[in-house]
N, C-alpha and C. Protein backbone atom coordinates (compact mmCIF):
# COMPACT_ATOMS: atom_id res chain seq x y z
N UNK A 1 32.09 45.10 -45.17
CA UNK A 1 32.00 46.34 -45.18
C UNK A 1 30.37 46.46 -46.25
N UNK A 2 29.59 47.14 -45.74
CA UNK A 2 28.08 47.55 -46.30
C UNK A 2 28.19 49.02 -46.51
N UNK A 3 27.08 49.41 -47.40
CA UNK A 3 27.01 50.58 -48.12
C UNK A 3 25.81 51.12 -46.94
N UNK A 4 25.00 51.09 -46.29
CA UNK A 4 23.78 51.33 -46.17
C UNK A 4 23.51 50.81 -44.52
N UNK A 5 22.40 51.28 -44.24
CA UNK A 5 22.35 50.54 -42.89
C UNK A 5 21.69 49.19 -42.98
N UNK A 6 22.14 48.31 -41.79
CA UNK A 6 21.67 46.76 -41.75
C UNK A 6 20.50 46.49 -41.71
N UNK A 7 20.38 45.72 -42.60
CA UNK A 7 18.76 45.34 -42.31
C UNK A 7 19.17 43.96 -41.52
N UNK A 8 17.74 43.98 -40.94
CA UNK A 8 17.40 42.75 -39.64
C UNK A 8 17.50 41.12 -40.73
N UNK A 9 17.54 40.13 -39.62
CA UNK A 9 17.94 39.25 -40.06
C UNK A 9 16.67 39.21 -40.61
N UNK A 10 15.91 37.90 -41.86
CA UNK A 10 14.79 37.91 -41.76
C UNK A 10 14.12 36.82 -40.94
N UNK A 11 15.03 36.31 -39.57
CA UNK A 11 14.36 35.35 -38.93
C UNK A 11 14.48 36.30 -37.53
N UNK A 12 15.08 36.75 -37.84
CA UNK A 12 14.93 38.03 -36.12
C UNK A 12 13.63 38.40 -35.92
N UNK A 13 13.53 37.86 -34.68
CA UNK A 13 12.10 38.82 -34.07
C UNK A 13 12.18 39.81 -34.18
N UNK A 14 10.84 40.11 -33.82
CA UNK A 14 10.42 42.00 -34.33
C UNK A 14 9.17 42.10 -32.86
N UNK A 15 9.99 43.13 -32.15
CA UNK A 15 9.19 43.38 -30.70
C UNK A 15 8.35 44.38 -30.75
N UNK A 16 7.32 44.99 -29.95
CA UNK A 16 6.40 46.00 -29.97
C UNK A 16 6.87 46.42 -28.24
N UNK A 17 6.62 48.07 -28.12
CA UNK A 17 6.90 47.61 -26.52
C UNK A 17 5.60 48.15 -26.09
N UNK A 18 4.96 48.37 -24.81
CA UNK A 18 3.81 48.82 -24.22
C UNK A 18 2.77 49.78 -24.91
N UNK A 19 3.81 50.83 -25.10
CA UNK A 19 3.65 51.94 -25.98
C UNK A 19 3.00 51.63 -26.72
N UNK A 20 3.93 51.08 -27.99
CA UNK A 20 3.50 51.08 -29.33
C UNK A 20 2.58 50.32 -29.48
N UNK A 21 2.47 49.43 -29.07
CA UNK A 21 0.97 48.48 -29.01
C UNK A 21 -0.08 49.11 -28.80
N UNK A 22 0.03 50.08 -27.93
CA UNK A 22 -1.49 50.55 -27.23
C UNK A 22 -1.79 51.71 -27.90
N UNK A 23 -0.25 52.47 -28.78
CA UNK A 23 -0.91 53.12 -29.88
C UNK A 23 -1.21 52.56 -31.42
N UNK A 24 -0.67 51.38 -31.52
CA UNK A 24 -1.40 50.56 -32.71
C UNK A 24 -2.87 50.32 -32.23
N UNK A 25 -3.54 50.22 -31.52
CA UNK A 25 -4.88 49.44 -30.90
C UNK A 25 -5.43 50.60 -30.48
N UNK A 26 -5.11 52.29 -30.35
CA UNK A 26 -5.80 53.22 -29.83
C UNK A 26 -6.09 52.61 -28.86
N UNK A 27 -5.85 51.96 -27.65
CA UNK A 27 -6.11 51.75 -26.64
C UNK A 27 -4.59 52.29 -25.19
N UNK A 28 -5.15 52.21 -23.77
CA UNK A 28 -4.49 52.88 -23.04
C UNK A 28 -3.78 51.86 -22.30
N UNK A 29 -2.36 52.17 -21.98
CA UNK A 29 -1.31 51.47 -21.33
C UNK A 29 -1.90 50.70 -20.51
N UNK A 30 -2.83 51.20 -19.47
CA UNK A 30 -3.63 50.36 -18.07
C UNK A 30 -4.60 49.19 -18.76
N UNK A 31 -5.23 49.70 -20.05
CA UNK A 31 -6.01 48.35 -20.80
C UNK A 31 -4.77 47.08 -21.01
N UNK A 32 -3.88 47.51 -21.51
CA UNK A 32 -2.95 46.08 -21.53
C UNK A 32 -2.34 45.66 -20.58
N UNK A 33 -2.51 46.71 -19.27
CA UNK A 33 -1.70 45.99 -18.06
C UNK A 33 -3.10 45.35 -17.64
N UNK A 34 -4.08 45.93 -17.39
CA UNK A 34 -5.43 44.68 -17.18
C UNK A 34 -5.25 43.09 -17.94
N UNK A 35 -5.20 43.26 -19.13
CA UNK A 35 -5.37 42.38 -19.80
C UNK A 35 -4.08 41.56 -19.72
N UNK A 36 -3.35 41.94 -19.39
CA UNK A 36 -2.26 41.14 -18.52
C UNK A 36 -2.54 40.12 -17.44
N UNK A 37 -2.95 41.04 -16.23
CA UNK A 37 -3.22 40.96 -15.02
C UNK A 37 -4.43 39.70 -15.37
N UNK A 38 -5.57 40.23 -16.26
CA UNK A 38 -6.67 39.04 -16.25
C UNK A 38 -5.86 37.76 -17.02
N UNK A 39 -4.97 37.64 -17.88
CA UNK A 39 -4.74 36.70 -18.39
C UNK A 39 -5.60 36.46 -19.67
N UNK A 40 -5.63 38.01 -20.08
CA UNK A 40 -6.22 38.00 -22.18
C UNK A 40 -5.37 38.62 -22.47
N UNK A 41 -5.56 39.11 -23.90
CA UNK A 41 -4.74 39.61 -24.72
C UNK A 41 -3.59 38.90 -25.61
N UNK A 42 -2.54 39.54 -26.15
CA UNK A 42 -1.72 38.39 -26.68
C UNK A 42 -0.80 38.25 -25.49
N UNK A 43 0.20 36.80 -26.17
CA UNK A 43 1.50 36.48 -25.50
C UNK A 43 2.35 38.18 -25.45
N UNK A 44 2.96 37.96 -24.10
CA UNK A 44 4.35 39.07 -23.74
C UNK A 44 4.92 38.45 -22.83
N UNK A 45 6.04 39.31 -23.13
CA UNK A 45 7.28 38.96 -22.92
C UNK A 45 7.62 40.03 -21.36
N UNK A 46 8.60 39.60 -20.44
CA UNK A 46 9.21 40.60 -19.35
C UNK A 46 10.78 40.07 -20.22
N UNK A 47 11.57 41.37 -20.18
CA UNK A 47 13.20 41.47 -20.46
C UNK A 47 13.62 42.13 -19.70
N UNK A 48 13.88 41.94 -18.93
CA UNK A 48 14.48 42.98 -17.76
C UNK A 48 13.04 43.11 -17.21
N UNK A 49 13.26 44.91 -17.01
CA UNK A 49 12.17 45.74 -16.44
C UNK A 49 10.86 45.92 -17.49
N UNK A 50 11.50 45.51 -18.66
CA UNK A 50 10.53 45.78 -20.08
C UNK A 50 9.28 44.75 -20.18
N UNK A 51 7.80 45.48 -20.89
CA UNK A 51 6.96 44.33 -21.23
C UNK A 51 7.06 44.79 -22.58
N UNK A 52 7.36 43.23 -23.10
CA UNK A 52 7.18 43.47 -24.87
C UNK A 52 6.59 42.79 -25.29
N UNK A 53 5.77 42.68 -26.80
CA UNK A 53 4.64 42.02 -27.70
C UNK A 53 5.44 41.12 -28.30
N UNK A 54 6.04 40.23 -28.64
CA UNK A 54 6.29 39.41 -29.95
C UNK A 54 5.54 40.01 -31.58
N UNK A 55 6.18 40.66 -32.77
CA UNK A 55 4.71 40.95 -33.74
C UNK A 55 4.13 39.53 -33.78
N UNK A 56 4.96 38.52 -34.40
CA UNK A 56 4.15 37.18 -34.46
C UNK A 56 2.89 37.01 -33.87
N UNK A 57 3.19 37.55 -32.11
CA UNK A 57 2.05 36.93 -30.90
C UNK A 57 0.86 37.80 -31.65
N UNK A 58 1.34 39.76 -32.11
CA UNK A 58 0.22 40.56 -32.34
C UNK A 58 -0.53 39.70 -33.49
N UNK A 59 0.07 39.37 -34.61
CA UNK A 59 -0.58 39.57 -35.58
C UNK A 59 -1.39 38.24 -35.34
N UNK A 60 -1.02 37.07 -34.74
CA UNK A 60 -1.87 36.01 -34.51
C UNK A 60 -3.13 36.30 -33.46
N UNK A 61 -2.85 37.31 -32.54
CA UNK A 61 -3.50 37.59 -31.78
C UNK A 61 -5.08 38.30 -32.47
N UNK A 62 -4.57 38.92 -33.86
CA UNK A 62 -5.60 40.33 -34.64
C UNK A 62 -5.83 39.26 -35.32
N UNK A 63 -5.93 38.35 -35.93
CA UNK A 63 -6.40 37.40 -36.62
C UNK A 63 -7.51 36.65 -36.03
N UNK A 64 -7.45 35.95 -34.25
CA UNK A 64 -8.28 35.46 -34.07
C UNK A 64 -8.87 36.22 -33.61
N UNK A 65 -8.88 37.56 -33.24
CA UNK A 65 -10.55 38.39 -33.31
C UNK A 65 -10.93 38.83 -34.03
N UNK A 66 -10.30 38.77 -34.92
CA UNK A 66 -10.91 39.02 -36.48
C UNK A 66 -12.68 38.07 -37.05
N UNK A 67 -13.40 39.33 -36.96
CA UNK A 67 -14.53 38.38 -36.79
C UNK A 67 -15.24 38.48 -38.46
N UNK A 68 -15.79 37.42 -39.41
CA UNK A 68 -16.50 38.23 -40.44
C UNK A 68 -17.91 38.14 -40.55
N UNK A 69 -18.89 38.78 -41.01
CA UNK A 69 -19.87 39.10 -41.04
C UNK A 69 -20.63 38.25 -41.58
């Protein structure tokens, strides 16, 4: 029995929906779609009819795109 909401297991993979990633990066859904078609952008998964992005992949992609002056 727990007294509050269950927290996800620390090793549980978190996913972002297309709209969540688009909002995070302030880009359009269409841009994400073009990137998937072109084979660029972060890795993605098709789960049933949904496209999702693993948070670990998004963070790795952001790190790879980081440029130092």
